PDB file of N, CA and C in Angstrom:
ATOM      1  N   MET A   1     137.394  89.443 121.586  1.00  0.00           N
ATOM      2  CA  MET A   1     135.972  89.611 121.765  1.00  0.00           C
ATOM      3  C   MET A   1     135.634  89.374 123.231  1.00  0.00           C
ATOM      4  N   ALA A   2     134.764  90.204 123.776  1.00  0.00           N
ATOM      5  CA  ALA A   2     134.433  90.116 125.188  1.00  0.00           C
ATOM      6  C   ALA A   2     133.538  88.927 125.458  1.00  0.00           C
ATOM      7  N   ASP A   3     133.679  88.371 126.631  1.00  0.00           N
ATOM      8  CA  ASP A   3     132.837  87.274 127.068  1.00  0.00           C
ATOM      9  C   ASP A   3     131.420  87.777 127.296  1.00  0.00           C
ATOM     10  N   SER A   4     130.414  87.042 126.787  1.00  0.00           N
ATOM     11  CA  SER A   4     129.033  87.505 126.919  1.00  0.00           C
ATOM     12  C   SER A   4     128.607  87.598 128.369  1.00  0.00           C
ATOM     13  N   GLY A   5     129.165  86.797 129.255  1.00  0.00           N
ATOM     14  CA  GLY A   5     128.861  86.896 130.674  1.00  0.00           C
ATOM     15  C   GLY A   5     129.328  88.231 131.237  1.00  0.00           C
ATOM     16  N   ASN A   6     130.492  88.687 130.784  1.00  0.00           N
ATOM     17  CA  ASN A   6     131.001  89.982 131.228  1.00  0.00           C
ATOM     18  C   ASN A   6     130.162  91.115 130.680  1.00  0.00           C
ATOM     19  N   ASP A   7     129.650  90.984 129.432  1.00  0.00           N
ATOM     20  CA  ASP A   7     128.804  92.014 128.841  1.00  0.00           C
ATOM     21  C   ASP A   7     127.542  92.203 129.681  1.00  0.00           C
ATOM     22  N   ARG A   8     126.962  91.107 130.129  1.00  0.00           N
ATOM     23  CA  ARG A   8     125.752  91.209 130.944  1.00  0.00           C
ATOM     24  C   ARG A   8     126.047  91.869 132.273  1.00  0.00           C
ATOM     25  N   ALA A   9     127.172  91.584 132.840  1.00  0.00           N
ATOM     26  CA  ALA A   9     127.541  92.189 134.129  1.00  0.00           C
ATOM     27  C   ALA A   9     127.709  93.691 133.988  1.00  0.00           C
ATOM     28  N   ARG A  10     128.148  94.168 132.835  1.00  0.00           N
ATOM     29  CA  ARG A  10     128.349  95.601 132.611  1.00  0.00           C
ATOM     30  C   ARG A  10     127.092  96.277 132.076  1.00  0.00           C
ATOM     31  N   GLY A  11     125.978  95.577 131.965  1.00  0.00           N
ATOM     32  CA  GLY A  11     124.752  96.177 131.452  1.00  0.00           C
ATOM     33  C   GLY A  11     124.612  96.030 129.954  1.00  0.00           C
ATOM     34  N   GLY A  12     125.393  95.184 129.337  1.00  0.00           N
ATOM     35  CA  GLY A  12     125.306  94.964 127.900  1.00  0.00           C
ATOM     36  C   GLY A  12     124.024  94.236 127.544  1.00  0.00           C
ATOM     37  N   ILE A  13     123.791  94.073 126.290  1.00  0.00           N
ATOM     38  CA  ILE A  13     122.580  93.426 125.804  1.00  0.00           C
ATOM     39  C   ILE A  13     122.966  92.081 125.227  1.00  0.00           C
ATOM     40  N   HIS A  14     122.207  91.068 125.601  1.00  0.00           N
ATOM     41  CA  HIS A  14     122.458  89.713 125.129  1.00  0.00           C
ATOM     42  C   HIS A  14     121.151  89.171 124.568  1.00  0.00           C
ATOM     43  N   VAL A  15     121.115  88.863 123.287  1.00  0.00           N
ATOM     44  CA  VAL A  15     119.908  88.365 122.633  1.00  0.00           C
ATOM     45  C   VAL A  15     120.214  87.000 122.056  1.00  0.00           C
ATOM     46  N   THR A  16     119.377  86.020 122.408  1.00  0.00           N
ATOM     47  CA  THR A  16     119.566  84.674 121.868  1.00  0.00           C
ATOM     48  C   THR A  16     118.220  84.094 121.475  1.00  0.00           C
ATOM     49  N   ASN A  17     118.281  83.079 120.658  1.00  0.00           N
ATOM     50  CA  ASN A  17     117.112  82.281 120.301  1.00  0.00           C
ATOM     51  C   ASN A  17     115.905  83.116 119.891  1.00  0.00           C
ATOM     52  N   THR A  18     116.084  84.021 118.978  1.00  0.00           N
ATOM     53  CA  THR A  18     114.936  84.793 118.490  1.00  0.00           C
ATOM     54  C   THR A  18     114.340  84.094 117.286  1.00  0.00           C
ATOM     55  N   SER A  19     113.043  84.147 117.198  1.00  0.00           N
ATOM     56  CA  SER A  19     112.387  83.611 116.019  1.00  0.00           C
ATOM     57  C   SER A  19     111.579  84.705 115.346  1.00  0.00           C
ATOM     58  N   GLY A  20     111.879  85.943 115.696  1.00  0.00           N
ATOM     59  CA  GLY A  20     111.180  87.092 115.131  1.00  0.00           C
ATOM     60  C   GLY A  20     112.131  88.264 115.025  1.00  0.00           C
ATOM     61  N   ASN A  21     111.576  89.439 114.974  1.00  0.00           N
ATOM     62  CA  ASN A  21     112.369  90.643 114.834  1.00  0.00           C
ATOM     63  C   ASN A  21     112.790  91.184 116.189  1.00  0.00           C
ATOM     64  N   VAL A  22     113.959  91.801 116.222  1.00  0.00           N
ATOM     65  CA  VAL A  22     114.468  92.430 117.431  1.00  0.00           C
ATOM     66  C   VAL A  22     114.963  93.806 117.042  1.00  0.00           C
ATOM     67  N   THR A  23     114.580  94.824 117.817  1.00  0.00           N
ATOM     68  CA  THR A  23     115.111  96.162 117.601  1.00  0.00           C
ATOM     69  C   THR A  23     115.608  96.690 118.923  1.00  0.00           C
ATOM     70  N   ILE A  24     116.624  97.521 118.848  1.00  0.00           N
ATOM     71  CA  ILE A  24     117.193  98.131 120.039  1.00  0.00           C
ATOM     72  C   ILE A  24     117.400  99.603 119.732  1.00  0.00           C
ATOM     73  N   GLY A  25     116.982 100.471 120.638  1.00  0.00           N
ATOM     74  CA  GLY A  25     117.191 101.900 120.453  1.00  0.00           C
ATOM     75  C   GLY A  25     115.929 102.602 119.995  1.00  0.00           C
ATOM     76  N   ASP A  26     116.063 103.890 119.752  1.00  0.00           N
ATOM     77  CA  ASP A  26     114.935 104.722 119.355  1.00  0.00           C
ATOM     78  C   ASP A  26     114.774 104.751 117.839  1.00  0.00           C
ATOM     79  N   ASN A  27     113.553 105.066 117.419  1.00  0.00           N
ATOM     80  CA  ASN A  27     113.235 105.321 116.009  1.00  0.00           C
ATOM     81  C   ASN A  27     113.538 104.157 115.079  1.00  0.00           C
ATOM     82  N   ASN A  28     113.280 102.959 115.538  1.00  0.00           N
ATOM     83  CA  ASN A  28     113.482 101.779 114.701  1.00  0.00           C
ATOM     84  C   ASN A  28     112.204 101.447 113.944  1.00  0.00           C
ATOM     85  N   THR A  29     112.364 100.783 112.846  1.00  0.00           N
ATOM     86  CA  THR A  29     111.230 100.298 112.066  1.00  0.00           C
ATOM     87  C   THR A  29     111.401  98.809 111.871  1.00  0.00           C
ATOM     88  N   VAL A  30     110.328  98.073 112.101  1.00  0.00           N
ATOM     89  CA  VAL A  30     110.363  96.628 111.912  1.00  0.00           C
ATOM     90  C   VAL A  30     109.405  96.283 110.792  1.00  0.00           C
ATOM     91  N   THR A  31     109.861  95.506 109.846  1.00  0.00           N
ATOM     92  CA  THR A  31     109.017  95.041 108.755  1.00  0.00           C
ATOM     93  C   THR A  31     109.007  93.528 108.804  1.00  0.00           C
ATOM     94  N   THR A  32     107.819  92.960 108.783  1.00  0.00           N
ATOM     95  CA  THR A  32     107.684  91.517 108.817  1.00  0.00           C
ATOM     96  C   THR A  32     107.058  91.056 107.519  1.00  0.00           C
ATOM     97  N   ALA A  33     107.694  90.106 106.885  1.00  0.00           N
ATOM     98  CA  ALA A  33     107.144  89.515 105.667  1.00  0.00           C
ATOM     99  C   ALA A  33     106.439  88.225 106.052  1.00  0.00           C
ATOM    100  N   VAL A  34     105.199  88.077 105.647  1.00  0.00           N
ATOM    101  CA  VAL A  34     104.448  86.869 105.924  1.00  0.00           C
ATOM    102  C   VAL A  34     104.479  86.007 104.675  1.00  0.00           C
ATOM    103  N   ASN A  35     104.983  84.818 104.839  1.00  0.00           N
ATOM    104  CA  ASN A  35     105.058  83.892 103.710  1.00  0.00           C
ATOM    105  C   ASN A  35     103.847  82.984 103.731  1.00  0.00           C
ATOM    106  N   GLY A  36     103.308  82.736 102.599  1.00  0.00           N
ATOM    107  CA  GLY A  36     102.129  81.890 102.499  1.00  0.00           C
ATOM    108  C   GLY A  36     101.049  82.626 101.741  1.00  0.00           C
ATOM    109  N   ALA A  37     100.100  81.884 101.280  1.00  0.00           N
ATOM    110  CA  ALA A  37      99.036  82.473 100.466  1.00  0.00           C
ATOM    111  C   ALA A  37      97.946  83.053 101.350  1.00  0.00           C
ATOM    112  N   GLN A  38      97.497  84.235 101.008  1.00  0.00           N
ATOM    113  CA  GLN A  38      96.339  84.831 101.655  1.00  0.00           C
ATOM    114  C   GLN A  38      95.095  84.170 101.071  1.00  0.00           C
ATOM    115  N   PRO A  39      94.033  84.103 101.870  1.00  0.00           N
ATOM    116  CA  PRO A  39      92.812  83.517 101.316  1.00  0.00           C
ATOM    117  C   PRO A  39      92.337  84.312 100.104  1.00  0.00           C
ATOM    118  N   ALA A  40      91.892  83.598  99.082  1.00  0.00           N
ATOM    119  CA  ALA A  40      91.365  84.259  97.892  1.00  0.00           C
ATOM    120  C   ALA A  40      90.048  84.931  98.254  1.00  0.00           C
ATOM    121  N   ARG A  41      89.878  86.178  97.802  1.00  0.00           N
ATOM    122  CA  ARG A  41      88.651  86.907  98.111  1.00  0.00           C
ATOM    123  C   ARG A  41      87.873  87.194  96.846  1.00  0.00           C
ATOM    124  N   ASP A  42      86.613  86.932  96.934  1.00  0.00           N
ATOM    125  CA  ASP A  42      85.676  87.327  95.896  1.00  0.00           C
ATOM    126  C   ASP A  42      85.691  88.862  95.851  1.00  0.00           C
ATOM    127  N   PRO A  43      85.614  89.475  94.684  1.00  0.00           N
ATOM    128  CA  PRO A  43      85.605  90.944  94.611  1.00  0.00           C
ATOM    129  C   PRO A  43      84.489  91.582  95.445  1.00  0.00           C
ATOM    130  N   ARG A  44      83.368  90.891  95.570  1.00  0.00           N
ATOM    131  CA  ARG A  44      82.275  91.442  96.385  1.00  0.00           C
ATOM    132  C   ARG A  44      82.623  91.404  97.866  1.00  0.00           C
ATOM    133  N   GLN A  45      83.358  90.380  98.288  1.00  0.00           N
ATOM    134  CA  GLN A  45      83.811  90.307  99.679  1.00  0.00           C
ATOM    135  C   GLN A  45      84.864  91.389  99.948  1.00  0.00           C
ATOM    136  N   GLU A  46      85.719  91.628  98.964  1.00  0.00           N
ATOM    137  CA  GLU A  46      86.721  92.692  99.100  1.00  0.00           C
ATOM    138  C   GLU A  46      86.033  94.048  99.203  1.00  0.00           C
ATOM    139  N   GLU A  47      84.993  94.257  98.414  1.00  0.00           N
ATOM    140  CA  GLU A  47      84.224  95.498  98.467  1.00  0.00           C
ATOM    141  C   GLU A  47      83.589  95.667  99.849  1.00  0.00           C
ATOM    142  N   LEU A  48      83.045  94.587 100.381  1.00  0.00           N
ATOM    143  CA  LEU A  48      82.452  94.629 101.722  1.00  0.00           C
ATOM    144  C   LEU A  48      83.520  94.951 102.762  1.00  0.00           C
ATOM    145  N   LEU A  49      84.664  94.330 102.659  1.00  0.00           N
ATOM    146  CA  LEU A  49      85.751  94.580 103.614  1.00  0.00           C
ATOM    147  C   LEU A  49      86.142  96.053 103.624  1.00  0.00           C
ATOM    148  N   GLN A  50      86.282  96.644 102.450  1.00  0.00           N
ATOM    149  CA  GLN A  50      86.654  98.059 102.377  1.00  0.00           C
ATOM    150  C   GLN A  50      85.546  98.949 102.953  1.00  0.00           C
ATOM    151  N   ALA A  51      84.290  98.609 102.679  1.00  0.00           N
ATOM    152  CA  ALA A  51      83.161  99.379 103.216  1.00  0.00           C
ATOM    153  C   ALA A  51      83.104  99.255 104.738  1.00  0.00           C
ATOM    154  N   ILE A  52      83.372  98.064 105.256  1.00  0.00           N
ATOM    155  CA  ILE A  52      83.408  97.854 106.705  1.00  0.00           C
ATOM    156  C   ILE A  52      84.465  98.746 107.339  1.00  0.00           C
ATOM    157  N   ARG A  53      85.635  98.782 106.746  1.00  0.00           N
ATOM    158  CA  ARG A  53      86.719  99.606 107.308  1.00  0.00           C
ATOM    159  C   ARG A  53      86.348 101.091 107.302  1.00  0.00           C
ATOM    160  N   ARG A  54      85.698 101.552 106.235  1.00  0.00           N
ATOM    161  CA  ARG A  54      85.278 102.956 106.182  1.00  0.00           C
ATOM    162  C   ARG A  54      84.221 103.244 107.239  1.00  0.00           C
ATOM    163  N   LEU A  55      83.257 102.346 107.399  1.00  0.00           N
ATOM    164  CA  LEU A  55      82.212 102.560 108.389  1.00  0.00           C
ATOM    165  C   LEU A  55      82.782 102.538 109.802  1.00  0.00           C
ATOM    166  N   ARG A  56      83.687 101.633 110.086  1.00  0.00           N
ATOM    167  CA  ARG A  56      84.294 101.598 111.424  1.00  0.00           C
ATOM    168  C   ARG A  56      85.023 102.901 111.713  1.00  0.00           C
ATOM    169  N   ALA A  57      85.705 103.435 110.727  1.00  0.00           N
ATOM    170  CA  ALA A  57      86.390 104.723 110.911  1.00  0.00           C
ATOM    171  C   ALA A  57      85.372 105.836 111.134  1.00  0.00           C
ATOM    172  N   ASP A  58      84.285 105.826 110.371  1.00  0.00           N
ATOM    173  CA  ASP A  58      83.248 106.851 110.512  1.00  0.00           C
ATOM    174  C   ASP A  58      82.547 106.765 111.863  1.00  0.00           C
ATOM    175  N   LEU A  59      82.372 105.564 112.382  1.00  0.00           N
ATOM    176  CA  LEU A  59      81.704 105.401 113.674  1.00  0.00           C
ATOM    177  C   LEU A  59      82.484 106.068 114.807  1.00  0.00           C
ATOM    178  N   GLY A  60      83.778 106.232 114.604  1.00  0.00           N
ATOM    179  CA  GLY A  60      84.592 106.912 115.614  1.00  0.00           C
ATOM    180  C   GLY A  60      84.196 108.361 115.805  1.00  0.00           C
ATOM    181  N   GLY A  61      83.488 108.929 114.841  1.00  0.00           N
ATOM    182  CA  GLY A  61      83.112 110.338 114.917  1.00  0.00           C
ATOM    183  C   GLY A  61      81.682 110.583 115.363  1.00  0.00           C
ATOM    184  N   VAL A  62      80.962 109.523 115.733  1.00  0.00           N
ATOM    185  CA  VAL A  62      79.574 109.708 116.172  1.00  0.00           C
ATOM    186  C   VAL A  62      79.470 109.438 117.672  1.00  0.00           C
ATOM    187  N   VAL A  63      78.405 109.951 118.256  1.00  0.00           N
ATOM    188  CA  VAL A  63      78.158 109.712 119.675  1.00  0.00           C
ATOM    189  C   VAL A  63      77.860 108.224 119.858  1.00  0.00           C
ATOM    190  N   ALA A  64      78.618 107.597 120.735  1.00  0.00           N
ATOM    191  CA  ALA A  64      78.472 106.154 120.949  1.00  0.00           C
ATOM    192  C   ALA A  64      77.167 105.840 121.665  1.00  0.00           C
ATOM    193  N   SER A  65      76.592 104.718 121.276  1.00  0.00           N
ATOM    194  CA  SER A  65      75.383 104.207 121.924  1.00  0.00           C
ATOM    195  C   SER A  65      75.522 102.692 121.996  1.00  0.00           C
ATOM    196  N   GLU A  66      74.567 102.072 122.634  1.00  0.00           N
ATOM    197  CA  GLU A  66      74.568 100.617 122.702  1.00  0.00           C
ATOM    198  C   GLU A  66      74.495 100.015 121.295  1.00  0.00           C
ATOM    199  N   GLN A  67      73.688 100.642 120.427  1.00  0.00           N
ATOM    200  CA  GLN A  67      73.528 100.133 119.064  1.00  0.00           C
ATOM    201  C   GLN A  67      74.799 100.318 118.235  1.00  0.00           C
ATOM    202  N   THR A  68      75.466 101.475 118.371  1.00  0.00           N
ATOM    203  CA  THR A  68      76.697 101.675 117.591  1.00  0.00           C
ATOM    204  C   THR A  68      77.819 100.778 118.098  1.00  0.00           C
ATOM    205  N   ALA A  69      77.840 100.517 119.414  1.00  0.00           N
ATOM    206  CA  ALA A  69      78.847  99.599 119.957  1.00  0.00           C
ATOM    207  C   ALA A  69      78.613  98.183 119.425  1.00  0.00           C
ATOM    208  N   ALA A  70      77.358  97.763 119.380  1.00  0.00           N
ATOM    209  CA  ALA A  70      77.033  96.430 118.845  1.00  0.00           C
ATOM    210  C   ALA A  70      77.371  96.357 117.356  1.00  0.00           C
ATOM    211  N   LEU A  71      77.087  97.439 116.638  1.00  0.00           N
ATOM    212  CA  LEU A  71      77.417  97.475 115.210  1.00  0.00           C
ATOM    213  C   LEU A  71      78.913  97.377 115.010  1.00  0.00           C
ATOM    214  N   ASP A  72      79.680  98.133 115.781  1.00  0.00           N
ATOM    215  CA  ASP A  72      81.137  98.097 115.643  1.00  0.00           C
ATOM    216  C   ASP A  72      81.679  96.706 115.952  1.00  0.00           C
ATOM    217  N   GLU A  73      81.088  96.036 116.927  1.00  0.00           N
ATOM    218  CA  GLU A  73      81.527  94.679 117.253  1.00  0.00           C
ATOM    219  C   GLU A  73      81.250  93.728 116.092  1.00  0.00           C
ATOM    220  N   GLU A  74      80.074  93.833 115.496  1.00  0.00           N
ATOM    221  CA  GLU A  74      79.756  92.989 114.339  1.00  0.00           C
ATOM    222  C   GLU A  74      80.671  93.317 113.154  1.00  0.00           C
ATOM    223  N   LEU A  75      80.938  94.603 112.950  1.00  0.00           N
ATOM    224  CA  LEU A  75      81.844  95.000 111.867  1.00  0.00           C
ATOM    225  C   LEU A  75      83.234  94.413 112.092  1.00  0.00           C
ATOM    226  N   SER A  76      83.707  94.489 113.323  1.00  0.00           N
ATOM    227  CA  SER A  76      85.024  93.950 113.654  1.00  0.00           C
ATOM    228  C   SER A  76      85.080  92.442 113.411  1.00  0.00           C
ATOM    229  N   ASP A  77      84.037  91.737 113.853  1.00  0.00           N
ATOM    230  CA  ASP A  77      84.000  90.284 113.650  1.00  0.00           C
ATOM    231  C   ASP A  77      83.954  89.932 112.161  1.00  0.00           C
ATOM    232  N   ALA A  78      83.180  90.696 111.395  1.00  0.00           N
ATOM    233  CA  ALA A  78      83.101  90.445 109.953  1.00  0.00           C
ATOM    234  C   ALA A  78      84.445  90.720 109.288  1.00  0.00           C
ATOM    235  N   GLU A  79      85.085  91.802 109.699  1.00  0.00           N
ATOM    236  CA  GLU A  79      86.399  92.130 109.151  1.00  0.00           C
ATOM    237  C   GLU A  79      87.388  91.000 109.433  1.00  0.00           C
ATOM    238  N   ASP A  80      87.406  90.511 110.669  1.00  0.00           N
ATOM    239  CA  ASP A  80      88.303  89.408 111.025  1.00  0.00           C
ATOM    240  C   ASP A  80      87.998  88.153 110.215  1.00  0.00           C
ATOM    241  N   GLU A  81      86.718  87.869 110.029  1.00  0.00           N
ATOM    242  CA  GLU A  81      86.334  86.667 109.283  1.00  0.00           C
ATOM    243  C   GLU A  81      86.767  86.764 107.823  1.00  0.00           C
ATOM    244  N   ILE A  82      86.562  87.919 107.217  1.00  0.00           N
ATOM    245  CA  ILE A  82      86.965  88.081 105.814  1.00  0.00           C
ATOM    246  C   ILE A  82      88.475  87.992 105.686  1.00  0.00           C
ATOM    247  N   GLU A  83      89.198  88.645 106.595  1.00  0.00           N
ATOM    248  CA  GLU A  83      90.659  88.591 106.532  1.00  0.00           C
ATOM    249  C   GLU A  83      91.186  87.179 106.778  1.00  0.00           C
ATOM    250  N   GLY A  84      90.528  86.443 107.658  1.00  0.00           N
ATOM    251  CA  GLY A  84      91.012  85.112 108.012  1.00  0.00           C
ATOM    252  C   GLY A  84      90.636  84.018 107.039  1.00  0.00           C
ATOM    253  N   THR A  85      89.434  84.106 106.486  1.00  0.00           N
ATOM    254  CA  THR A  85      88.957  83.013 105.630  1.00  0.00           C
ATOM    255  C   THR A  85      88.738  83.416 104.182  1.00  0.00           C
ATOM    256  N   GLY A  86      88.749  84.708 103.914  1.00  0.00           N
ATOM    257  CA  GLY A  86      88.519  85.174 102.552  1.00  0.00           C
ATOM    258  C   GLY A  86      87.079  85.560 102.280  1.00  0.00           C
ATOM    259  N   HIS A  87      86.179  85.249 103.240  1.00  0.00           N
ATOM    260  CA  HIS A  87      84.773  85.614 103.039  1.00  0.00           C
ATOM    261  C   HIS A  87      84.027  85.651 104.375  1.00  0.00           C
ATOM    262  N   ALA A  88      82.948  86.391 104.398  1.00  0.00           N
ATOM    263  CA  ALA A  88      82.038  86.390 105.538  1.00  0.00           C
ATOM    264  C   ALA A  88      80.898  85.433 105.198  1.00  0.00           C
ATOM    265  N   GLY A  89      80.627  84.527 106.101  1.00  0.00           N
ATOM    266  CA  GLY A  89      79.574  83.543 105.873  1.00  0.00           C
ATOM    267  C   GLY A  89      78.184  84.147 106.012  1.00  0.00           C
ATOM    268  N   THR A  90      77.198  83.380 105.614  1.00  0.00           N
ATOM    269  CA  THR A  90      75.808  83.839 105.640  1.00  0.00           C
ATOM    270  C   THR A  90      75.370  84.257 107.039  1.00  0.00           C
ATOM    271  N   GLY A  91      75.724  83.485 108.051  1.00  0.00           N
ATOM    272  CA  GLY A  91      75.363  83.832 109.424  1.00  0.00           C
ATOM    273  C   GLY A  91      75.948  85.165 109.850  1.00  0.00           C
ATOM    274  N   ARG A  92      77.206  85.385 109.507  1.00  0.00           N
ATOM    275  CA  ARG A  92      77.867  86.645 109.839  1.00  0.00           C
ATOM    276  C   ARG A  92      77.189  87.798 109.111  1.00  0.00           C
ATOM    277  N   LEU A  93      76.897  87.619 107.831  1.00  0.00           N
ATOM    278  CA  LEU A  93      76.243  88.667 107.056  1.00  0.00           C
ATOM    279  C   LEU A  93      74.865  88.989 107.605  1.00  0.00           C
ATOM    280  N   THR A  94      74.150  87.972 108.049  1.00  0.00           N
ATOM    281  CA  THR A  94      72.816  88.180 108.623  1.00  0.00           C
ATOM    282  C   THR A  94      72.914  88.972 109.928  1.00  0.00           C
ATOM    283  N   ARG A  95      73.880  88.631 110.779  1.00  0.00           N
ATOM    284  CA  ARG A  95      74.077  89.380 112.027  1.00  0.00           C
ATOM    285  C   ARG A  95      74.495  90.817 111.745  1.00  0.00           C
ATOM    286  N   LEU A  96      75.320  91.009 110.724  1.00  0.00           N
ATOM    287  CA  LEU A  96      75.754  92.348 110.362  1.00  0.00           C
ATOM    288  C   LEU A  96      74.577  93.172 109.853  1.00  0.00           C
ATOM    289  N   ARG A  97      73.735  92.560 109.040  1.00  0.00           N
ATOM    290  CA  ARG A  97      72.543  93.261 108.539  1.00  0.00           C
ATOM    291  C   ARG A  97      71.648  93.682 109.707  1.00  0.00           C
ATOM    292  N   ARG A  98      71.448  92.801 110.673  1.00  0.00           N
ATOM    293  CA  ARG A  98      70.617  93.106 111.842  1.00  0.00           C
ATOM    294  C   ARG A  98      71.235  94.269 112.634  1.00  0.00           C
ATOM    295  N   ALA A  99      72.547  94.264 112.820  1.00  0.00           N
ATOM    296  CA  ALA A  99      73.213  95.344 113.555  1.00  0.00           C
ATOM    297  C   ALA A  99      73.075  96.673 112.818  1.00  0.00           C
ATOM    298  N   LEU A 100      73.106  96.638 111.488  1.00  0.00           N
ATOM    299  CA  LEU A 100      72.901  97.858 110.692  1.00  0.00           C
ATOM    300  C   LEU A 100      71.492  98.402 110.890  1.00  0.00           C
ATOM    301  N   VAL A 101      70.523  97.502 110.894  1.00  0.00           N
ATOM    302  CA  VAL A 101      69.131  97.913 111.106  1.00  0.00           C
ATOM    303  C   VAL A 101      68.963  98.483 112.509  1.00  0.00           C
ATOM    304  N   ASP A 102      69.537  97.819 113.507  1.00  0.00           N
ATOM    305  CA  ASP A 102      69.407  98.268 114.890  1.00  0.00           C
ATOM    306  C   ASP A 102      70.038  99.642 115.105  1.00  0.00           C
ATOM    307  N   ALA A 103      71.099  99.940 114.381  1.00  0.00           N
ATOM    308  CA  ALA A 103      71.766 101.241 114.494  1.00  0.00           C
ATOM    309  C   ALA A 103      71.315 102.156 113.370  1.00  0.00           C
ATOM    310  N   GLY A 104      70.113 101.917 112.852  1.00  0.00           N
ATOM    311  CA  GLY A 104      69.567 102.560 111.663  1.00  0.00           C
ATOM    312  C   GLY A 104      69.809 104.042 111.512  1.00  0.00           C
ATOM    313  N   ALA A 105      69.547 104.836 112.536  1.00  0.00           N
ATOM    314  CA  ALA A 105      69.694 106.286 112.403  1.00  0.00           C
ATOM    315  C   ALA A 105      71.123 106.658 112.054  1.00  0.00           C
ATOM    316  N   VAL A 106      72.076 105.987 112.676  1.00  0.00           N
ATOM    317  CA  VAL A 106      73.484 106.306 112.414  1.00  0.00           C
ATOM    318  C   VAL A 106      73.940 105.689 111.099  1.00  0.00           C
ATOM    319  N   SER A 107      73.694 104.392 110.915  1.00  0.00           N
ATOM    320  CA  SER A 107      74.201 103.729 109.712  1.00  0.00           C
ATOM    321  C   SER A 107      73.494 104.212 108.456  1.00  0.00           C
ATOM    322  N   GLY A 108      72.263 104.721 108.599  1.00  0.00           N
ATOM    323  CA  GLY A 108      71.523 105.204 107.436  1.00  0.00           C
ATOM    324  C   GLY A 108      71.968 106.563 106.933  1.00  0.00           C
ATOM    325  N   ILE A 109      72.565 107.382 107.826  1.00  0.00           N
ATOM    326  CA  ILE A 109      72.992 108.715 107.382  1.00  0.00           C
ATOM    327  C   ILE A 109      74.455 108.747 106.954  1.00  0.00           C
ATOM    328  N   LEU A 110      75.206 107.712 107.267  1.00  0.00           N
ATOM    329  CA  LEU A 110      76.606 107.653 106.852  1.00  0.00           C
ATOM    330  C   LEU A 110      76.700 106.932 105.507  1.00  0.00           C
ATOM    331  N   ALA A 111      77.362 107.550 104.567  1.00  0.00           N
ATOM    332  CA  ALA A 111      77.524 106.907 103.250  1.00  0.00           C
ATOM    333  C   ALA A 111      78.187 105.550 103.396  1.00  0.00           C
ATOM    334  N   SER A 112      79.133 105.443 104.325  1.00  0.00           N
ATOM    335  CA  SER A 112      79.812 104.166 104.527  1.00  0.00           C
ATOM    336  C   SER A 112      78.846 103.114 105.071  1.00  0.00           C
ATOM    337  N   GLY A 113      77.870 103.531 105.874  1.00  0.00           N
ATOM    338  CA  GLY A 113      76.854 102.599 106.379  1.00  0.00           C
ATOM    339  C   GLY A 113      75.971 102.092 105.262  1.00  0.00           C
ATOM    340  N   VAL A 114      75.595 102.984 104.375  1.00  0.00           N
ATOM    341  CA  VAL A 114      74.793 102.598 103.215  1.00  0.00           C
ATOM    342  C   VAL A 114      75.590 101.625 102.341  1.00  0.00           C
ATOM    343  N   ALA A 115      76.881 101.894 102.158  1.00  0.00           N
ATOM    344  CA  ALA A 115      77.723 101.022 101.331  1.00  0.00           C
ATOM    345  C   ALA A 115      77.817  99.621 101.925  1.00  0.00           C
ATOM    346  N   VAL A 116      77.969  99.531 103.256  1.00  0.00           N
ATOM    347  CA  VAL A 116      78.017  98.206 103.892  1.00  0.00           C
ATOM    348  C   VAL A 116      76.679  97.501 103.692  1.00  0.00           C
ATOM    349  N   GLY A 117      75.583  98.212 103.910  1.00  0.00           N
ATOM    350  CA  GLY A 117      74.262  97.613 103.711  1.00  0.00           C
ATOM    351  C   GLY A 117      74.061  97.091 102.301  1.00  0.00           C
ATOM    352  N   GLN A 118      74.493  97.855 101.314  1.00  0.00           N
ATOM    353  CA  GLN A 118      74.368  97.412  99.924  1.00  0.00           C
ATOM    354  C   GLN A 118      75.227  96.206  99.633  1.00  0.00           C
ATOM    355  N   ALA A 119      76.460  96.199 100.154  1.00  0.00           N
ATOM    356  CA  ALA A 119      77.361  95.067  99.925  1.00  0.00           C
ATOM    357  C   ALA A 119      76.813  93.797 100.589  1.00  0.00           C
ATOM    358  N   VAL A 120      76.292  93.948 101.804  1.00  0.00           N
ATOM    359  CA  VAL A 120      75.697  92.793 102.502  1.00  0.00           C
ATOM    360  C   VAL A 120      74.491  92.294 101.725  1.00  0.00           C
ATOM    361  N   GLY A 121      73.630  93.210 101.278  1.00  0.00           N
ATOM    362  CA  GLY A 121      72.458  92.828 100.495  1.00  0.00           C
ATOM    363  C   GLY A 121      72.829  92.078  99.235  1.00  0.00           C
ATOM    364  N   ALA A 122      73.861  92.539  98.552  1.00  0.00           N
ATOM    365  CA  ALA A 122      74.296  91.857  97.322  1.00  0.00           C
ATOM    366  C   ALA A 122      74.781  90.447  97.609  1.00  0.00           C
ATOM    367  N   LEU A 123      75.502  90.266  98.729  1.00  0.00           N
ATOM    368  CA  LEU A 123      76.017  88.953  99.071  1.00  0.00           C
ATOM    369  C   LEU A 123      74.924  88.008  99.576  1.00  0.00           C
ATOM    370  N   LEU A 124      73.910  88.572 100.205  1.00  0.00           N
ATOM    371  CA  LEU A 124      72.804  87.737 100.695  1.00  0.00           C
ATOM    372  C   LEU A 124      71.721  87.548  99.650  1.00  0.00           C
ATOM    373  N   GLY A 125      71.851  88.262  98.540  1.00  0.00           N
ATOM    374  CA  GLY A 125      70.872  88.104  97.465  1.00  0.00           C
ATOM    375  C   GLY A 125      69.608  88.917  97.674  1.00  0.00           C
ATOM    376  N   GLY A 126      69.762  90.110  98.212  1.00  0.00           N
ATOM    377  CA  GLY A 126      68.571  90.940  98.337  1.00  0.00           C
ATOM    378  C   GLY A 126      68.555  91.871  99.482  1.00  0.00           C
TER     379      GLY A 126
END
């Protein structure tokens, strides 16, 4: 077996102390398994998460404005909060509702915007 010092001198690859995945070459696929429990999600929070993802995708097809950028930021924050904790808190839902209202013309004509508004309303109780 060749000495690893000699391999490096010839341009070889030397990998040590990895705590994750390593790939070398073209067309590789890396799959990472995460161990541990995901936060439990209320079905209504899961419904909101899916509606948020659809609306964010739909927003990519509209002319951007200050209001749509603010809405997308609130959607992103809500998505992160639901994924991280299992739910969006009341403050987050209130900010999301305000961003939907502010971007009214866009969020009102997109079915995904209406779905997010309905899901937020259900979680806030009205």
